[in-house]
Structure formats: C-alpha cells, structure tokens
Amino acid sequence: MPIYRYEPREEEAGCDHCRDGFDLAQSLSEKSLDRCPECGVAIRKAVVAIRVGRSQSGLDHRAKAAGFTKLKRLGKGEYEKQY
C-alpha cells in the first residue's frame, strides 16, 4: 500500500496535524483527500521524491553464482571481466 504525503494549501494555515504535512497509507483505489481529517482545512497531495538504495543483502554474490558478469571497458573493443 503506497504512502502519500499531504500538505495544506499555501493560503491555509492548518492545524497541528496538517501544518507541517502528514503521511497517509492509502490503497490505489482510494480517493485522494481534499480536506484535513482533523480540522477540515483544504489540503493537497504533495510530490515527494522516493529513494531506492542499494541492497546490502549480498545480491552481487548471487548474480555471480548465477553466471552474470560485469565487464569493464579497457579500450576500443577491449573488455575485461570483473568478478
């Protein structure tokens, strides 16, 4: 279930719950909120960049075991396998 960030519209002050924005888990089929559930002030869904980090679970080791290799370019038409 995705988590959405809601913030009050610029012209509205909001309450303690929505003044600095709040996160809400909603299913994709649920309608977006247009009012704060606490005070009823107009809110909007904010655009938030997500961060996807590199896994620390050892996937590189599994990729090597499955036969995948990484190639490093040495020059024009020359590559070297990296393990």
N, C-alpha and C. Protein backbone atom coordinates (compact mmCIF):
# COMPACT_ATOMS: atom_id res chain seq x y z
N MET A 1 0.84 -1.16 0.00
CA MET A 1 0.00 0.00 0.00
C MET A 1 0.90 1.24 0.00
N PRO A 2 0.74 2.14 -0.98
CA PRO A 2 1.59 3.33 -1.05
C PRO A 2 1.30 4.32 0.07
N ILE A 3 2.30 5.10 0.40
CA ILE A 3 2.18 6.15 1.42
C ILE A 3 2.22 7.49 0.70
N TYR A 4 1.21 8.32 0.94
CA TYR A 4 1.12 9.63 0.31
C TYR A 4 1.37 10.73 1.33
N ARG A 5 1.94 11.83 0.87
CA ARG A 5 2.22 13.00 1.71
C ARG A 5 1.19 14.06 1.38
N TYR A 6 0.53 14.59 2.39
CA TYR A 6 -0.44 15.66 2.23
C TYR A 6 0.03 16.91 2.96
N GLU A 7 -0.21 18.07 2.35
CA GLU A 7 0.16 19.35 2.94
C GLU A 7 -1.00 20.32 2.75
N PRO A 8 -1.13 21.33 3.65
CA PRO A 8 -2.19 22.33 3.45
C PRO A 8 -1.84 23.21 2.26
N ARG A 9 -2.87 23.74 1.62
CA ARG A 9 -2.64 24.68 0.51
C ARG A 9 -1.97 25.94 1.06
N GLU A 10 -1.24 26.65 0.21
CA GLU A 10 -0.45 27.79 0.66
C GLU A 10 -1.26 28.84 1.41
N GLU A 11 -2.48 29.09 0.97
CA GLU A 11 -3.27 30.16 1.58
C GLU A 11 -3.89 29.74 2.91
N GLU A 12 -3.78 28.50 3.28
CA GLU A 12 -4.38 28.00 4.51
C GLU A 12 -3.29 27.72 5.55
N ALA A 13 -3.60 27.96 6.82
CA ALA A 13 -2.62 27.74 7.88
C ALA A 13 -2.61 26.29 8.34
N GLY A 14 -3.77 25.71 8.57
CA GLY A 14 -3.85 24.32 9.03
C GLY A 14 -3.74 24.18 10.53
N CYS A 15 -3.91 22.96 11.01
CA CYS A 15 -3.83 22.66 12.44
C CYS A 15 -2.48 22.00 12.74
N ASP A 16 -2.30 21.57 13.99
CA ASP A 16 -1.05 20.90 14.36
C ASP A 16 -0.84 19.61 13.57
N HIS A 17 -1.93 18.96 13.19
CA HIS A 17 -1.84 17.70 12.45
C HIS A 17 -1.35 17.91 11.01
N CYS A 18 -1.81 18.96 10.35
CA CYS A 18 -1.51 19.12 8.92
C CYS A 18 -0.60 20.31 8.59
N ARG A 19 -0.28 21.14 9.55
CA ARG A 19 0.50 22.36 9.28
C ARG A 19 1.83 22.04 8.60
N ASP A 20 2.54 21.04 9.09
CA ASP A 20 3.84 20.67 8.51
C ASP A 20 3.72 19.51 7.54
N GLY A 21 2.48 19.08 7.28
CA GLY A 21 2.25 17.96 6.38
C GLY A 21 2.15 16.66 7.17
N PHE A 22 1.52 15.67 6.57
CA PHE A 22 1.40 14.36 7.20
C PHE A 22 1.38 13.28 6.14
N ASP A 23 1.78 12.07 6.53
CA ASP A 23 1.80 10.92 5.64
C ASP A 23 0.58 10.05 5.91
N LEU A 24 0.05 9.44 4.84
CA LEU A 24 -1.12 8.59 4.97
C LEU A 24 -1.00 7.41 4.02
N ALA A 25 -1.15 6.20 4.56
CA ALA A 25 -1.13 5.00 3.72
C ALA A 25 -2.53 4.81 3.14
N GLN A 26 -2.61 4.76 1.81
CA GLN A 26 -3.88 4.59 1.11
C GLN A 26 -3.70 3.59 -0.02
N SER A 27 -4.75 2.82 -0.29
CA SER A 27 -4.68 1.93 -1.44
C SER A 27 -4.86 2.75 -2.72
N LEU A 28 -4.49 2.18 -3.83
CA LEU A 28 -4.58 2.90 -5.10
C LEU A 28 -6.02 3.21 -5.48
N SER A 29 -6.96 2.40 -4.99
CA SER A 29 -8.36 2.62 -5.34
C SER A 29 -9.05 3.69 -4.47
N GLU A 30 -8.41 4.09 -3.37
CA GLU A 30 -8.99 5.12 -2.51
C GLU A 30 -8.87 6.50 -3.14
N LYS A 31 -9.87 7.33 -2.92
CA LYS A 31 -9.88 8.70 -3.42
C LYS A 31 -8.92 9.56 -2.59
N SER A 32 -8.22 10.48 -3.25
CA SER A 32 -7.32 11.39 -2.54
C SER A 32 -8.10 12.30 -1.61
N LEU A 33 -7.46 12.65 -0.48
CA LEU A 33 -8.09 13.57 0.45
C LEU A 33 -8.05 14.99 -0.10
N ASP A 34 -9.09 15.77 0.17
CA ASP A 34 -9.06 17.18 -0.20
C ASP A 34 -9.23 18.08 1.03
N ARG A 35 -9.50 17.47 2.18
CA ARG A 35 -9.64 18.19 3.45
C ARG A 35 -8.89 17.44 4.54
N CYS A 36 -8.34 18.18 5.49
CA CYS A 36 -7.66 17.59 6.64
C CYS A 36 -8.69 16.85 7.49
N PRO A 37 -8.40 15.62 7.90
CA PRO A 37 -9.35 14.87 8.71
C PRO A 37 -9.53 15.46 10.12
N GLU A 38 -8.60 16.28 10.60
CA GLU A 38 -8.68 16.86 11.94
C GLU A 38 -9.42 18.20 11.96
N CYS A 39 -9.04 19.12 11.05
CA CYS A 39 -9.60 20.48 11.12
C CYS A 39 -10.45 20.86 9.91
N GLY A 40 -10.39 20.10 8.83
CA GLY A 40 -11.20 20.38 7.66
C GLY A 40 -10.63 21.41 6.70
N VAL A 41 -9.39 21.84 6.91
CA VAL A 41 -8.77 22.81 6.02
C VAL A 41 -8.42 22.13 4.69
N ALA A 42 -8.40 22.89 3.60
CA ALA A 42 -8.09 22.34 2.27
C ALA A 42 -6.62 21.89 2.23
N ILE A 43 -6.41 20.66 1.74
CA ILE A 43 -5.06 20.10 1.63
C ILE A 43 -4.86 19.60 0.21
N ARG A 44 -3.59 19.33 -0.11
CA ARG A 44 -3.25 18.80 -1.43
C ARG A 44 -2.23 17.68 -1.25
N LYS A 45 -2.19 16.80 -2.24
CA LYS A 45 -1.19 15.74 -2.24
C LYS A 45 0.13 16.33 -2.70
N ALA A 46 1.18 16.14 -1.92
CA ALA A 46 2.48 16.71 -2.24
C ALA A 46 3.30 15.73 -3.06
N VAL A 47 4.17 16.26 -3.91
CA VAL A 47 5.09 15.45 -4.70
C VAL A 47 6.33 15.20 -3.84
N VAL A 48 6.65 13.93 -3.65
CA VAL A 48 7.77 13.55 -2.81
C VAL A 48 8.66 12.61 -3.59
N ALA A 49 9.94 12.91 -3.61
CA ALA A 49 10.90 12.02 -4.28
C ALA A 49 11.17 10.83 -3.39
N ILE A 50 11.17 9.64 -3.97
CA ILE A 50 11.49 8.45 -3.20
C ILE A 50 12.95 8.10 -3.41
N ARG A 51 13.50 7.38 -2.46
CA ARG A 51 14.88 6.98 -2.57
C ARG A 51 14.93 5.46 -2.55
N VAL A 52 15.59 4.92 -3.53
CA VAL A 52 15.78 3.48 -3.59
C VAL A 52 17.26 3.23 -3.43
N GLY A 53 17.62 2.62 -2.33
CA GLY A 53 19.03 2.39 -2.05
C GLY A 53 19.50 1.05 -2.54
N ARG A 54 20.79 0.87 -2.53
CA ARG A 54 21.38 -0.40 -2.94
C ARG A 54 21.18 -1.42 -1.83
N SER A 55 20.86 -2.61 -2.21
CA SER A 55 20.61 -3.68 -1.25
C SER A 55 21.92 -4.12 -0.60
N GLN A 56 21.86 -4.38 0.66
CA GLN A 56 23.03 -4.88 1.38
C GLN A 56 22.90 -6.38 1.64
N SER A 57 22.02 -7.04 0.89
CA SER A 57 21.74 -8.45 1.15
C SER A 57 22.64 -9.41 0.40
N GLY A 58 23.64 -8.94 -0.29
CA GLY A 58 24.55 -9.83 -0.98
C GLY A 58 24.06 -10.28 -2.34
N LEU A 59 23.32 -9.46 -3.03
CA LEU A 59 22.81 -9.84 -4.34
C LEU A 59 23.92 -9.97 -5.37
N ASP A 60 25.01 -9.21 -5.19
CA ASP A 60 26.14 -9.32 -6.11
C ASP A 60 26.70 -10.74 -6.11
N HIS A 61 26.77 -11.34 -4.94
CA HIS A 61 27.28 -12.71 -4.83
C HIS A 61 26.36 -13.69 -5.56
N ARG A 62 25.04 -13.51 -5.42
CA ARG A 62 24.09 -14.39 -6.09
C ARG A 62 24.13 -14.21 -7.60
N ALA A 63 24.35 -12.99 -8.06
CA ALA A 63 24.44 -12.74 -9.51
C ALA A 63 25.66 -13.46 -10.09
N LYS A 64 26.77 -13.44 -9.37
CA LYS A 64 27.96 -14.15 -9.83
C LYS A 64 27.72 -15.65 -9.86
N ALA A 65 27.04 -16.16 -8.83
CA ALA A 65 26.76 -17.59 -8.77
C ALA A 65 25.83 -18.03 -9.91
N ALA A 66 24.98 -17.11 -10.37
CA ALA A 66 24.05 -17.44 -11.46
C ALA A 66 24.71 -17.30 -12.83
N GLY A 67 25.97 -16.83 -12.87
CA GLY A 67 26.69 -16.74 -14.13
C GLY A 67 26.74 -15.36 -14.73
N PHE A 68 26.22 -14.35 -14.04
CA PHE A 68 26.28 -12.99 -14.55
C PHE A 68 27.65 -12.39 -14.25
N THR A 69 28.19 -11.64 -15.22
CA THR A 69 29.47 -10.98 -15.01
C THR A 69 29.35 -9.52 -15.38
N LYS A 70 30.26 -8.73 -14.85
CA LYS A 70 30.32 -7.31 -15.15
C LYS A 70 31.56 -7.09 -16.02
N LEU A 71 31.41 -6.32 -17.09
CA LEU A 71 32.53 -6.06 -17.99
C LEU A 71 33.03 -4.63 -17.80
N LYS A 72 34.36 -4.48 -17.76
CA LYS A 72 34.98 -3.16 -17.65
C LYS A 72 35.68 -2.87 -18.98
N ARG A 73 35.41 -1.69 -19.52
CA ARG A 73 36.00 -1.33 -20.82
C ARG A 73 37.45 -0.91 -20.61
N LEU A 74 38.35 -1.54 -21.34
CA LEU A 74 39.77 -1.22 -21.28
C LEU A 74 40.17 -0.27 -22.39
N GLY A 75 39.60 -0.41 -23.53
CA GLY A 75 39.92 0.40 -24.68
C GLY A 75 38.89 0.14 -25.75
N LYS A 76 39.18 0.60 -26.98
CA LYS A 76 38.23 0.41 -28.06
C LYS A 76 38.13 -1.06 -28.40
N GLY A 77 36.96 -1.63 -28.11
CA GLY A 77 36.72 -3.04 -28.41
C GLY A 77 37.33 -4.01 -27.43
N GLU A 78 37.95 -3.53 -26.36
CA GLU A 78 38.58 -4.41 -25.36
C GLU A 78 37.85 -4.32 -24.03
N TYR A 79 37.47 -5.46 -23.50
CA TYR A 79 36.76 -5.53 -22.22
C TYR A 79 37.39 -6.57 -21.34
N GLU A 80 37.24 -6.39 -20.04
CA GLU A 80 37.77 -7.32 -19.07
C GLU A 80 36.65 -7.71 -18.11
N LYS A 81 36.57 -9.02 -17.79
CA LYS A 81 35.55 -9.48 -16.86
C LYS A 81 35.90 -9.02 -15.44
N GLN A 82 34.89 -8.53 -14.74
CA GLN A 82 35.05 -8.14 -13.33
C GLN A 82 34.27 -9.13 -12.49
N TYR A 83 34.89 -9.65 -11.45
CA TYR A 83 34.20 -10.63 -10.59
C TYR A 83 33.86 -10.05 -9.28
